[in-house]
């Protein structure tokens, strides 16, 4: 394994391993009394997922101590070493710090994993499933009085109750203890006792996996239901028979859970490194749909109807490679798997949160890939059938999109997709036009533009159907809430730079009311169903 050591401007030691895997960098944060060596049992498996950066906390291992050691300075120092996009994995104290970083930097932390980390390490009346205050105080006092003997006791505590307790204890005692700068151990213990991530966890939007150990003597596994109740979108699970030292106790089991949780991320970035508005627009779209993953299916009646209509037109395929492009919450995946005999199924989406939700909810055998439709991470002529339902309308460059789709399809390969036409939400667009000159509704490509782009990319269109659908709402507020739950946010240039005021909303309601029929407001959707064949 090729390893390099980097030192951050604040003196943090970063142990970096390169990887041939195309995944996002995985940043590792260790717990109290340890350093980056605690990750050794997991390292070979992690490198199969992506490059790894293991940081030594300030004053631990090879890192220099901070002038002031508290939550604020520590998080600032860690934030400085985070890549632009990464997976964050923390154990014990490191898990609590990782959670705080993920909440603070949701765009940089694409996914979060915590091991044996409570939301509040020391119990109180509202959070009883944690370490008793008296026990915590006694341990901290013992460490201040006798660091060496207390660290030996700590080694016993982190393997206590494990199915392999004796063997693990022998292994850990044979290892050289992690170095700690004078005073850092006490400061870190005080920080651990003071951290409270309950509110942070409750509002966390970053996809997260939180693994607890059944026999943990420091973080009781019984806290799992409380954590799940605080945030149902997070995954909380317990590994049977394991103690606090999860990385040593069950590295193979851990890696299996991590591999299921982490989608395959391509070597090219999910959002291309394009300067200016294009990259920002893609990132906004990805973030909006990631946030909407949990609510999307509750309001996606039209989307399901359109998907069913599209699926009904698919040709039979056998021993092929199918791509569901913009798979969203994965509604089409079970049907595609049933439809394609002995075929490989790829599920791709720009929004990591959507992809993670689909992977959790759909019992399908698929390869999961974060991908931008205009910059696909697939080889030339490697896909036999591309299916996409109501996703490609978010691509701003139709010619680039269809050129890329033609690249991955061989001659005779097929493209079947549905997309939205420019008459979509025409009532909402007209109502806003009477209020101000800003762009409030997304613009969608018309038929002429799409036909030209497909033909210039090398496709022959063999079917084109246009369908007008109308949904009905009791109020503009109800319509707006439905669009928000879908993640369908305005991403066009020319949108208002600030929040919409109450007066503008009242004007919008009045303008929209002219379309009211039978006491309901219409919302029109123009849907194109298109099938095309890759030509010579």
Protein backbone atom coordinates (compact mmCIF):
# COMPACT_ATOMS: atom_id res chain seq x y z
CA UNK A 1 0.00 0.00 0.00
CA UNK A 2 1.48 3.33 -1.12
CA UNK A 3 1.43 5.71 1.87
CA UNK A 4 2.46 9.34 2.22
CA UNK A 5 2.52 11.61 5.27
CA UNK A 6 1.30 15.19 4.99
CA UNK A 7 1.27 17.84 7.70
CA UNK A 8 -1.51 20.43 7.67
CA UNK A 9 -0.83 24.15 8.39
CA UNK A 10 -2.17 23.56 11.93
CA UNK A 11 0.19 20.64 12.48
CA UNK A 12 -2.19 17.72 11.92
CA UNK A 13 -0.57 14.56 10.58
CA UNK A 14 -2.43 13.09 7.60
CA UNK A 15 -1.59 9.51 6.69
CA UNK A 16 -2.65 9.16 3.05
CA UNK A 17 -3.05 6.02 0.94
CA UNK A 18 -3.76 6.15 -2.79
CA UNK A 19 -6.19 3.71 -4.36
CA UNK A 20 -7.05 2.38 -7.80
CA UNK A 21 -10.73 2.48 -6.82
CA UNK A 22 -12.64 5.46 -8.13
CA UNK A 23 -14.48 6.32 -4.92
CA UNK A 24 -14.45 9.52 -2.93
CA UNK A 25 -11.64 9.99 -0.40
CA UNK A 26 -12.46 8.33 2.93
CA UNK A 27 -11.34 10.47 5.88
CA UNK A 28 -10.81 8.57 9.15
CA UNK A 29 -10.96 10.15 12.63
CA UNK A 30 -9.90 7.99 15.59
CA UNK A 31 -11.13 7.97 19.17
CA UNK A 32 -9.67 8.95 22.56
CA UNK A 33 -6.42 7.29 23.60
CA UNK A 34 -5.64 6.13 20.06
CA UNK A 35 -4.24 7.44 16.79
CA UNK A 36 -4.50 6.57 13.12
CA UNK A 37 -3.07 3.07 13.75
CA UNK A 38 -6.49 1.98 15.03
CA UNK A 39 -7.67 1.75 11.40
CA UNK A 40 -5.11 -0.85 10.28
CA UNK A 41 -7.54 -3.83 10.33
CA UNK A 42 -9.94 -1.98 8.01
CA UNK A 43 -7.39 -0.39 5.72
CA UNK A 44 -7.09 -3.08 2.99
CA UNK A 45 -10.85 -3.22 2.57
CA UNK A 46 -11.29 0.57 2.66
CA UNK A 47 -8.75 0.97 -0.14
CA UNK A 48 -11.02 -1.12 -2.36
CA UNK A 49 -13.60 1.67 -1.99
CA UNK A 50 -11.38 4.73 -2.48
CA UNK A 51 -8.29 6.62 -1.31
CA UNK A 52 -7.90 6.92 2.47
CA UNK A 53 -6.80 9.81 4.68
CA UNK A 54 -6.32 8.91 8.36
CA UNK A 55 -5.81 11.95 10.56
CA UNK A 56 -4.11 12.02 13.97
CA UNK A 57 -6.12 14.31 16.25
CA UNK A 58 -4.17 17.31 17.67
CA UNK A 59 -1.65 16.11 20.28
CA UNK A 60 -2.19 12.44 19.37
CA UNK A 61 0.11 10.29 17.24
CA UNK A 62 2.26 12.47 15.01
CA UNK A 63 0.08 15.61 15.20
CA UNK A 64 1.11 18.72 17.06
CA UNK A 65 -1.17 19.94 19.89
CA UNK A 66 -3.35 23.00 19.37
CA UNK A 67 -2.70 26.15 21.42
CA UNK A 68 -6.30 25.85 22.66
CA UNK A 69 -8.04 22.47 22.68
CA UNK A 70 -11.82 22.76 22.55
CA UNK A 71 -14.65 21.79 20.23
CA UNK A 72 -14.46 24.95 18.12
CA UNK A 73 -10.70 24.91 17.51
CA UNK A 74 -10.68 21.16 16.93
CA UNK A 75 -13.48 21.26 14.34
CA UNK A 76 -11.81 24.22 12.60
CA UNK A 77 -8.54 22.29 12.36
CA UNK A 78 -10.32 19.22 10.98
CA UNK A 79 -12.36 21.28 8.53
CA UNK A 80 -9.14 22.63 7.02
CA UNK A 81 -8.03 19.13 5.98
CA UNK A 82 -11.33 17.91 4.50
CA UNK A 83 -11.30 17.35 0.71
CA UNK A 84 -13.88 19.15 -1.41
CA UNK A 85 -15.97 15.95 -1.31
CA UNK A 86 -15.37 12.97 0.94
CA UNK A 87 -16.79 10.14 3.02
CA UNK A 88 -16.22 10.77 6.74
CA UNK A 89 -15.70 7.79 9.08
CA UNK A 90 -15.19 8.29 12.80
CA UNK A 91 -14.80 5.95 15.76
CA UNK A 92 -15.95 6.85 19.31
CA UNK A 93 -14.85 10.47 19.97
CA UNK A 94 -13.90 10.62 16.29
CA UNK A 95 -17.45 9.65 15.37
CA UNK A 96 -18.87 12.48 17.46
CA UNK A 97 -16.50 14.94 15.79
CA UNK A 98 -17.32 13.52 12.35
CA UNK A 99 -21.04 14.04 13.00
CA UNK A 100 -20.48 17.68 13.92
CA UNK A 101 -18.39 18.20 10.77
CA UNK A 102 -21.01 16.56 8.55
CA UNK A 103 -23.72 18.84 9.89
CA UNK A 104 -21.47 21.87 9.43
CA UNK A 105 -20.26 20.95 5.90
CA UNK A 106 -23.01 18.89 4.18
CA UNK A 107 -21.65 19.60 0.69
CA UNK A 108 -18.13 18.43 1.50
CA UNK A 109 -19.17 15.42 3.58
CA UNK A 110 -21.11 13.33 1.09
CA UNK A 111 -21.63 10.41 3.48
CA UNK A 112 -21.07 9.87 7.19
CA UNK A 113 -20.25 6.69 9.09
CA UNK A 114 -19.82 6.52 12.87
CA UNK A 115 -18.62 3.54 14.89
CA UNK A 116 -19.44 3.13 18.60
CA UNK A 117 -20.28 6.82 18.93
CA UNK A 118 -23.05 8.11 21.18
CA UNK A 119 -24.76 11.43 20.58
CA UNK A 120 -24.02 12.39 24.19
CA UNK A 121 -21.27 10.45 25.92
CA UNK A 122 -22.34 11.24 29.50
CA UNK A 123 -25.93 10.52 30.55
CA UNK A 124 -28.48 13.00 31.79
CA UNK A 125 -32.20 12.76 32.60
CA UNK A 126 -33.20 13.18 28.97
CA UNK A 127 -30.51 10.87 27.58
CA UNK A 128 -30.10 7.98 30.04
CA UNK A 129 -28.49 5.52 27.61
CA UNK A 130 -24.95 6.79 28.07
CA UNK A 131 -22.12 6.61 30.59
CA UNK A 132 -23.13 7.48 34.17
CA UNK A 133 -21.69 10.87 35.24
CA UNK A 134 -20.06 9.36 38.34
CA UNK A 135 -18.33 6.66 36.28
CA UNK A 136 -17.09 9.22 33.77
CA UNK A 137 -15.82 11.52 36.52
CA UNK A 138 -13.99 8.67 38.27
CA UNK A 139 -12.25 7.59 35.05
CA UNK A 140 -11.16 11.15 34.24
CA UNK A 141 -9.81 11.64 37.77
CA UNK A 142 -7.95 8.33 37.57
CA UNK A 143 -6.34 9.30 34.27
CA UNK A 144 -5.18 12.64 35.66
CA UNK A 145 -3.60 10.86 38.65
CA UNK A 146 -2.13 7.83 36.85
CA UNK A 147 -2.19 8.05 33.03
CA UNK A 148 -0.29 4.84 32.26
CA UNK A 149 -2.30 2.50 34.46
CA UNK A 150 -5.59 4.14 33.39
CA UNK A 151 -4.74 3.66 29.72
CA UNK A 152 -4.16 -0.04 30.38
CA UNK A 153 -7.57 -0.17 32.02
CA UNK A 154 -9.02 1.66 29.00
CA UNK A 155 -7.62 -1.04 26.70
CA UNK A 156 -9.47 -3.62 28.77
CA UNK A 157 -12.68 -1.58 28.65
CA UNK A 158 -12.80 -1.26 24.87
CA UNK A 159 -12.70 -5.06 24.41
CA UNK A 160 -14.80 -5.95 27.47
CA UNK A 161 -17.63 -8.34 26.62
CA UNK A 162 -16.42 -9.07 23.09
CA UNK A 163 -16.70 -12.64 21.84
CA UNK A 164 -12.94 -12.52 21.27
CA UNK A 165 -12.10 -10.50 24.39
CA UNK A 166 -8.96 -12.37 25.50
CA UNK A 167 -7.39 -12.53 22.05
CA UNK A 168 -8.15 -8.87 21.35
CA UNK A 169 -6.74 -7.75 24.68
CA UNK A 170 -3.53 -9.66 24.04
CA UNK A 171 -3.23 -8.13 20.56
CA UNK A 172 -3.80 -4.57 21.75
CA UNK A 173 -1.42 -4.85 24.69
CA UNK A 174 1.33 -6.02 22.34
CA UNK A 175 1.00 -2.81 20.32
CA UNK A 176 2.83 0.35 21.25
CA UNK A 177 0.38 2.81 22.86
CA UNK A 178 -0.47 5.93 20.90
CA UNK A 179 1.56 8.94 21.94
CA UNK A 180 -0.26 11.84 23.59
CA UNK A 181 1.18 15.29 24.22
CA UNK A 182 1.16 16.40 27.88
CA UNK A 183 -2.29 17.57 28.97
CA UNK A 184 -4.03 16.52 25.72
CA UNK A 185 -5.51 13.35 27.21
CA UNK A 186 -7.23 15.29 29.98
CA UNK A 187 -8.44 17.98 27.55
CA UNK A 188 -9.86 15.37 25.18
CA UNK A 189 -11.67 13.60 28.04
CA UNK A 190 -13.21 16.90 29.14
CA UNK A 191 -14.32 17.56 25.57
CA UNK A 192 -15.79 14.07 25.28
CA UNK A 193 -17.83 14.63 28.44
CA UNK A 194 -19.16 17.96 27.16
CA UNK A 195 -20.14 17.04 23.59
CA UNK A 196 -23.88 16.92 22.86
CA UNK A 197 -24.83 16.04 19.27
CA UNK A 198 -28.53 15.34 19.80
CA UNK A 199 -29.84 18.43 18.04
CA UNK A 200 -27.16 18.13 15.36
CA UNK A 201 -28.18 14.54 14.65
CA UNK A 202 -31.87 15.40 14.58
CA UNK A 203 -31.30 17.89 11.74
CA UNK A 204 -28.65 15.93 9.85
CA UNK A 205 -29.30 15.69 6.08
CA UNK A 206 -26.06 13.94 5.06
CA UNK A 207 -26.71 10.19 4.45
CA UNK A 208 -25.40 8.41 7.54
CA UNK A 209 -24.69 4.92 8.85
CA UNK A 210 -24.22 4.62 12.62
CA UNK A 211 -22.92 1.29 13.90
CA UNK A 212 -23.05 0.33 17.57
CA UNK A 213 -21.66 -2.73 19.36
CA UNK A 214 -23.90 -5.04 21.37
CA UNK A 215 -21.39 -5.57 24.22
CA UNK A 216 -19.95 -2.03 24.33
CA UNK A 217 -18.95 -1.08 27.89
CA UNK A 218 -18.61 2.63 27.01
CA UNK A 219 -21.47 3.36 24.59
CA UNK A 220 -24.56 1.24 25.35
CA UNK A 221 -26.15 -0.36 22.28
CA UNK A 222 -29.52 0.35 23.90
CA UNK A 223 -29.19 3.93 22.65
CA UNK A 224 -29.97 2.76 19.09
CA UNK A 225 -33.77 3.25 19.28
CA UNK A 226 -33.32 6.75 20.71
CA UNK A 227 -31.00 7.69 17.86
CA UNK A 228 -33.35 6.26 15.25
CA UNK A 229 -36.29 8.12 16.76
CA UNK A 230 -34.40 11.43 16.51
CA UNK A 231 -33.78 11.05 12.77
CA UNK A 232 -35.52 8.31 10.80
CA UNK A 233 -33.50 9.08 7.65
CA UNK A 234 -30.27 7.88 9.30
CA UNK A 235 -29.33 4.19 9.44
CA UNK A 236 -28.64 2.92 12.96
CA UNK A 237 -27.59 -0.68 13.51
CA UNK A 238 -26.01 -2.93 16.17
CA UNK A 239 -23.38 -5.63 15.57
CA UNK A 240 -23.97 -8.64 17.81
CA UNK A 241 -21.22 -9.94 20.08
CA UNK A 242 -18.87 -7.00 19.53
CA UNK A 243 -17.36 -4.53 22.00
CA UNK A 244 -16.28 -0.90 21.68
CA UNK A 245 -13.13 -1.81 19.69
CA UNK A 246 -15.10 -2.53 16.52
CA UNK A 247 -12.22 -2.08 14.09
CA UNK A 248 -10.26 -4.87 15.79
CA UNK A 249 -13.23 -7.01 16.79
CA UNK A 250 -14.99 -7.54 13.43
CA UNK A 251 -13.26 -5.80 10.50
CA UNK A 252 -14.77 -8.17 7.91
CA UNK A 253 -18.31 -7.61 9.18
CA UNK A 254 -17.74 -3.87 9.31
CA UNK A 255 -16.46 -3.79 5.75
CA UNK A 256 -19.49 -5.72 4.52
CA UNK A 257 -21.78 -3.07 6.03
CA UNK A 258 -19.65 -0.22 4.64
CA UNK A 259 -19.63 -1.74 1.15
CA UNK A 260 -23.43 -2.02 1.20
CA UNK A 261 -23.77 1.55 2.42
CA UNK A 262 -21.31 3.26 0.09
CA UNK A 263 -22.39 3.38 -3.58
CA UNK A 264 -19.75 2.93 -6.23
CA UNK A 265 -18.51 6.46 -6.95
CA UNK A 266 -16.82 6.95 -10.32
CA UNK A 267 -13.32 8.27 -10.80
CA UNK A 268 -14.73 11.32 -12.54
CA UNK A 269 -16.51 13.65 -10.09
CA UNK A 270 -20.28 13.36 -9.80
CA UNK A 271 -20.49 17.10 -10.40
CA UNK A 272 -17.86 17.99 -13.03
CA UNK A 273 -15.18 20.47 -12.13
CA UNK A 274 -16.59 23.11 -14.47
CA UNK A 275 -16.04 26.69 -13.33
CA UNK A 276 -18.91 29.10 -12.98
CA UNK A 277 -22.66 28.72 -13.12
CA UNK A 278 -22.84 25.25 -14.72
CA UNK A 279 -21.09 23.49 -11.83
CA UNK A 280 -23.03 25.48 -9.24
CA UNK A 281 -26.31 24.61 -10.96
CA UNK A 282 -25.49 20.89 -10.99
CA UNK A 283 -24.50 20.97 -7.34
CA UNK A 284 -27.73 22.77 -6.39
CA UNK A 285 -29.79 20.19 -8.28
CA UNK A 286 -27.92 17.28 -6.67
CA UNK A 287 -28.29 18.77 -3.19
CA UNK A 288 -32.00 19.52 -3.66
CA UNK A 289 -32.82 15.98 -4.75
CA UNK A 290 -30.63 14.46 -2.03
CA UNK A 291 -32.56 16.41 0.58
CA UNK A 292 -35.88 15.31 -0.97
CA UNK A 293 -35.05 11.59 -1.05
CA UNK A 294 -37.15 10.76 2.00
CA UNK A 295 -40.22 12.75 0.89
CA UNK A 296 -40.12 12.16 -2.87
CA UNK A 297 -42.22 9.00 -3.09
CA UNK A 298 -45.00 10.49 -0.97
CA UNK A 299 -45.85 13.04 -3.70
CA UNK A 300 -44.58 11.30 -6.85
CA UNK A 301 -47.90 10.06 -8.26
CA UNK A 302 -47.31 11.60 -11.68
CA UNK A 303 -43.71 10.37 -11.73
CA UNK A 304 -44.82 6.78 -11.05
CA UNK A 305 -47.52 6.94 -13.73
CA UNK A 306 -45.03 8.24 -16.29
CA UNK A 307 -42.48 5.57 -15.32
CA UNK A 308 -45.09 2.83 -15.72
CA UNK A 309 -46.01 4.13 -19.18
CA UNK A 310 -42.36 4.24 -20.21
CA UNK A 311 -41.61 0.75 -18.89
CA UNK A 312 -44.52 -0.64 -20.88
CA UNK A 313 -42.76 0.35 -24.13
CA UNK A 314 -39.40 -1.34 -23.47
CA UNK A 315 -38.16 -4.05 -25.83
CA UNK A 316 -37.23 -7.47 -24.46
CA UNK A 317 -33.52 -7.89 -23.76
CA UNK A 318 -31.40 -10.84 -22.70
CA UNK A 319 -27.84 -10.90 -21.37
CA UNK A 320 -27.49 -7.16 -21.78
CA UNK A 321 -26.28 -4.22 -19.71
CA UNK A 322 -29.10 -1.87 -18.69
CA UNK A 323 -28.66 1.61 -17.25
CA UNK A 324 -31.39 3.35 -15.24
CA UNK A 325 -30.12 6.92 -15.63
CA UNK A 326 -31.45 9.26 -12.97
CA UNK A 327 -32.88 6.35 -11.02
CA UNK A 328 -34.02 8.60 -8.15
CA UNK A 329 -35.60 6.55 -5.38
CA UNK A 330 -35.33 3.43 -7.55
CA UNK A 331 -38.99 3.01 -8.55
CA UNK A 332 -38.12 1.53 -11.98
CA UNK A 333 -35.40 -0.82 -10.78
CA UNK A 334 -37.51 -3.86 -9.71
CA UNK A 335 -39.42 -3.79 -12.99
CA UNK A 336 -36.22 -3.45 -15.00
CA UNK A 337 -34.70 -6.39 -13.17
CA UNK A 338 -37.76 -8.52 -13.94
CA UNK A 339 -37.82 -7.30 -17.53
CA UNK A 340 -34.21 -8.06 -18.42
CA UNK A 341 -33.21 -11.72 -18.38
CA UNK A 342 -29.68 -12.52 -17.21
CA UNK A 343 -28.73 -8.88 -17.58
CA UNK A 344 -26.54 -6.51 -15.61
CA UNK A 345 -28.38 -3.57 -14.07
CA UNK A 346 -26.71 -0.22 -13.42
CA UNK A 347 -28.45 2.38 -11.23
CA UNK A 348 -27.07 5.90 -11.62
CA UNK A 349 -28.08 9.29 -10.27
CA UNK A 350 -26.49 12.71 -9.82
CA UNK A 351 -27.89 12.99 -6.26
CA UNK A 352 -26.01 10.83 -3.80
CA UNK A 353 -28.87 11.05 -1.29
CA UNK A 354 -31.33 9.66 -3.83
CA UNK A 355 -28.96 6.84 -4.74
CA UNK A 356 -28.43 5.93 -1.11
CA UNK A 357 -32.17 5.93 -0.43
CA UNK A 358 -32.82 3.70 -3.46
CA UNK A 359 -30.14 1.27 -2.39
CA UNK A 360 -31.74 0.97 1.04
CA UNK A 361 -35.32 0.63 -0.22
CA UNK A 362 -35.09 -1.52 -3.36
CA UNK A 363 -34.22 -5.21 -3.12
CA UNK A 364 -32.46 -5.40 -6.48
CA UNK A 365 -29.14 -6.71 -7.69
CA UNK A 366 -27.65 -3.55 -9.18
CA UNK A 367 -24.39 -1.66 -9.42
CA UNK A 368 -24.90 1.75 -7.84
CA UNK A 369 -23.07 4.70 -9.40
CA UNK A 370 -23.08 8.43 -8.72
CA UNK A 371 -23.05 9.92 -12.21
CA UNK A 372 -23.71 13.06 -14.20
CA UNK A 373 -25.65 12.22 -17.39
CA UNK A 374 -23.55 14.73 -19.35
CA UNK A 375 -20.27 13.15 -18.19
CA UNK A 376 -20.88 9.42 -17.72
CA UNK A 377 -18.26 7.23 -16.00
CA UNK A 378 -18.78 4.32 -18.42
CA UNK A 379 -16.67 3.00 -21.27
CA UNK A 380 -17.55 3.53 -24.92
CA UNK A 381 -20.27 1.17 -26.23
CA UNK A 382 -20.60 -0.51 -22.83
CA UNK A 383 -24.37 -0.09 -22.35
CA UNK A 384 -27.04 -1.90 -24.38
CA UNK A 385 -30.16 -0.11 -23.13
CA UNK A 386 -30.49 3.25 -21.38
CA UNK A 387 -33.78 3.93 -19.59
CA UNK A 388 -34.50 7.27 -17.95
CA UNK A 389 -37.80 8.54 -16.60
CA UNK A 390 -38.29 12.26 -15.86
CA UNK A 391 -34.63 12.92 -15.12
CA UNK A 392 -32.99 14.21 -18.30
CA UNK A 393 -34.93 17.50 -18.23
CA UNK A 394 -32.48 18.66 -15.54
CA UNK A 395 -29.59 18.51 -18.04
CA UNK A 396 -28.88 22.00 -19.37
CA UNK A 397 -26.90 20.92 -22.47
CA UNK A 398 -29.06 18.56 -24.60
CA UNK A 399 -26.40 18.17 -27.29
CA UNK A 400 -23.73 17.22 -24.75
CA UNK A 401 -26.21 14.84 -23.08
CA UNK A 402 -27.11 12.94 -26.25
CA UNK A 403 -23.51 12.88 -27.49
CA UNK A 404 -22.56 11.20 -24.24
CA UNK A 405 -25.43 8.71 -24.42
CA UNK A 406 -24.49 7.86 -27.99
CA UNK A 407 -20.89 7.30 -26.85
CA UNK A 408 -21.83 4.60 -24.32
CA UNK A 409 -24.29 2.84 -26.65
CA UNK A 410 -23.14 0.55 -29.48
CA UNK A 411 -24.73 0.65 -32.92
CA UNK A 412 -28.22 -0.72 -32.40
CA UNK A 413 -28.24 0.18 -28.71
CA UNK A 414 -31.47 1.71 -27.51
CA UNK A 415 -32.42 4.83 -25.58
CA UNK A 416 -35.87 5.02 -23.96
CA UNK A 417 -36.70 8.07 -21.89
CA UNK A 418 -39.41 10.41 -20.72
CA UNK A 419 -38.83 14.08 -20.14
CA UNK A 420 -40.77 17.29 -19.59
CA UNK A 421 -41.68 19.76 -22.32
CA UNK A 422 -41.90 23.57 -22.14
CA UNK A 423 -45.66 23.62 -21.40
CA UNK A 424 -44.92 22.10 -17.98
CA UNK A 425 -46.21 24.31 -15.14
CA UNK A 426 -47.40 26.90 -17.66
CA UNK A 427 -49.99 28.23 -15.20
CA UNK A 428 -47.37 28.82 -12.51
CA UNK A 429 -45.06 30.49 -15.04
CA UNK A 430 -47.83 32.80 -16.26
CA UNK A 431 -48.87 33.71 -12.72
CA UNK A 432 -45.31 34.64 -11.74
CA UNK A 433 -44.89 36.69 -14.92
CA UNK A 434 -47.61 39.02 -13.68
CA UNK A 435 -45.78 39.49 -10.34
CA UNK A 436 -42.15 40.23 -11.32
CA UNK A 437 -39.54 39.71 -14.03
CA UNK A 438 -37.53 36.99 -12.27
CA UNK A 439 -37.39 33.39 -13.47
CA UNK A 440 -39.35 31.26 -10.99
CA UNK A 441 -40.10 28.13 -13.03
CA UNK A 442 -37.60 25.84 -14.72
CA UNK A 443 -37.38 26.04 -18.50
CA UNK A 444 -37.50 22.75 -20.41
CA UNK A 445 -36.34 22.03 -23.96
CA UNK A 446 -38.94 21.96 -26.71
CA UNK A 447 -39.52 19.14 -29.19
CA UNK A 448 -37.60 20.75 -32.06
CA UNK A 449 -34.47 21.25 -29.96
CA UNK A 450 -34.55 17.69 -28.61
CA UNK A 451 -35.14 16.14 -32.04
CA UNK A 452 -32.23 18.08 -33.52
CA UNK A 453 -29.86 17.20 -30.66
CA UNK A 454 -30.74 13.50 -30.89
CA UNK A 455 -30.25 13.37 -34.65
CA UNK A 456 -26.95 15.29 -34.53
CA UNK A 457 -25.68 12.89 -31.85
CA UNK A 458 -26.31 9.92 -34.14
CA UNK A 459 -29.71 8.63 -33.01
CA UNK A 460 -32.66 7.60 -35.14
CA UNK A 461 -35.94 8.39 -33.38
CA UNK A 462 -38.39 5.50 -33.77
CA UNK A 463 -41.16 6.76 -31.49
CA UNK A 464 -42.22 10.11 -30.05
CA UNK A 465 -45.39 10.54 -27.99
CA UNK A 466 -46.55 13.68 -26.26
CA UNK A 467 -48.92 13.47 -23.30
CA UNK A 468 -50.51 16.32 -21.36
CA UNK A 469 -51.15 15.59 -17.69
CA UNK A 470 -52.91 17.88 -15.22
CA UNK A 471 -52.63 17.72 -11.45
CA UNK A 472 -55.01 19.63 -9.22
CA UNK A 473 -54.29 21.48 -5.99
CA UNK A 474 -56.31 23.32 -3.40
CA UNK A 475 -53.88 26.25 -3.21
CA UNK A 476 -50.58 27.62 -4.48
CA UNK A 477 -49.05 26.69 -1.13
CA UNK A 478 -50.05 23.05 -1.64
CA UNK A 479 -48.51 23.06 -5.12
CA UNK A 480 -45.29 24.64 -3.82
CA UNK A 481 -45.01 22.09 -1.03
CA UNK A 482 -45.44 19.27 -3.52
CA UNK A 483 -42.67 20.64 -5.75
CA UNK A 484 -40.39 21.07 -2.75
CA UNK A 485 -41.02 17.50 -1.58
CA UNK A 486 -40.00 16.33 -5.07
CA UNK A 487 -36.78 18.34 -4.93
CA UNK A 488 -37.92 20.26 -8.03
CA UNK A 489 -36.31 23.57 -7.16
CA UNK A 490 -35.77 26.48 -9.52
CA UNK A 491 -32.26 26.11 -10.97
CA UNK A 492 -32.37 28.62 -13.82
CA UNK A 493 -30.33 31.79 -14.26
CA UNK A 494 -32.38 34.90 -13.60
CA UNK A 495 -34.03 33.67 -10.44
CA UNK A 496 -34.66 36.05 -7.57
CA UNK A 497 -31.52 36.54 -5.43
CA UNK A 498 -33.51 36.64 -2.18
CA UNK A 499 -36.48 35.11 -0.44
CA UNK A 500 -39.94 35.75 -1.82
CA UNK A 501 -41.85 38.26 0.30
CA UNK A 502 -45.40 37.93 1.57
CA UNK A 503 -46.69 40.60 -0.78
CA UNK A 504 -45.30 38.76 -3.81
CA UNK A 505 -46.86 35.52 -2.62
CA UNK A 506 -50.26 37.20 -2.23
CA UNK A 507 -49.93 38.61 -5.76
CA UNK A 508 -48.98 35.14 -7.05
CA UNK A 509 -52.03 33.57 -5.41
CA UNK A 510 -54.30 36.19 -6.96
CA UNK A 511 -52.76 35.75 -10.40
CA UNK A 512 -52.94 31.96 -10.27
CA UNK A 513 -56.57 32.05 -9.15
CA UNK A 514 -57.77 32.94 -12.67
CA UNK A 515 -57.01 29.31 -13.63
CA UNK A 516 -59.16 27.88 -10.83
CA UNK A 517 -61.79 25.33 -11.89
CA UNK A 518 -64.21 23.52 -9.60
CA UNK A 519 -62.40 25.23 -6.72
CA UNK A 520 -59.05 23.64 -7.66
CA UNK A 521 -55.90 25.00 -9.29
CA UNK A 522 -54.42 23.12 -12.28
CA UNK A 523 -50.76 22.33 -12.80
CA UNK A 524 -50.04 21.15 -16.35
CA UNK A 525 -47.23 18.74 -17.20
CA UNK A 526 -46.17 18.17 -20.81
CA UNK A 527 -44.52 14.74 -21.00
CA UNK A 528 -42.48 13.48 -23.95
CA UNK A 529 -41.98 9.71 -24.34
CA UNK A 530 -39.08 9.08 -26.71
CA UNK A 531 -37.36 5.96 -27.99
CA UNK A 532 -34.30 6.11 -30.22
CA UNK A 533 -31.72 3.76 -31.71
CA UNK A 534 -27.99 4.43 -31.92
CA UNK A 535 -27.15 4.56 -35.64
CA UNK A 536 -23.88 4.30 -37.58
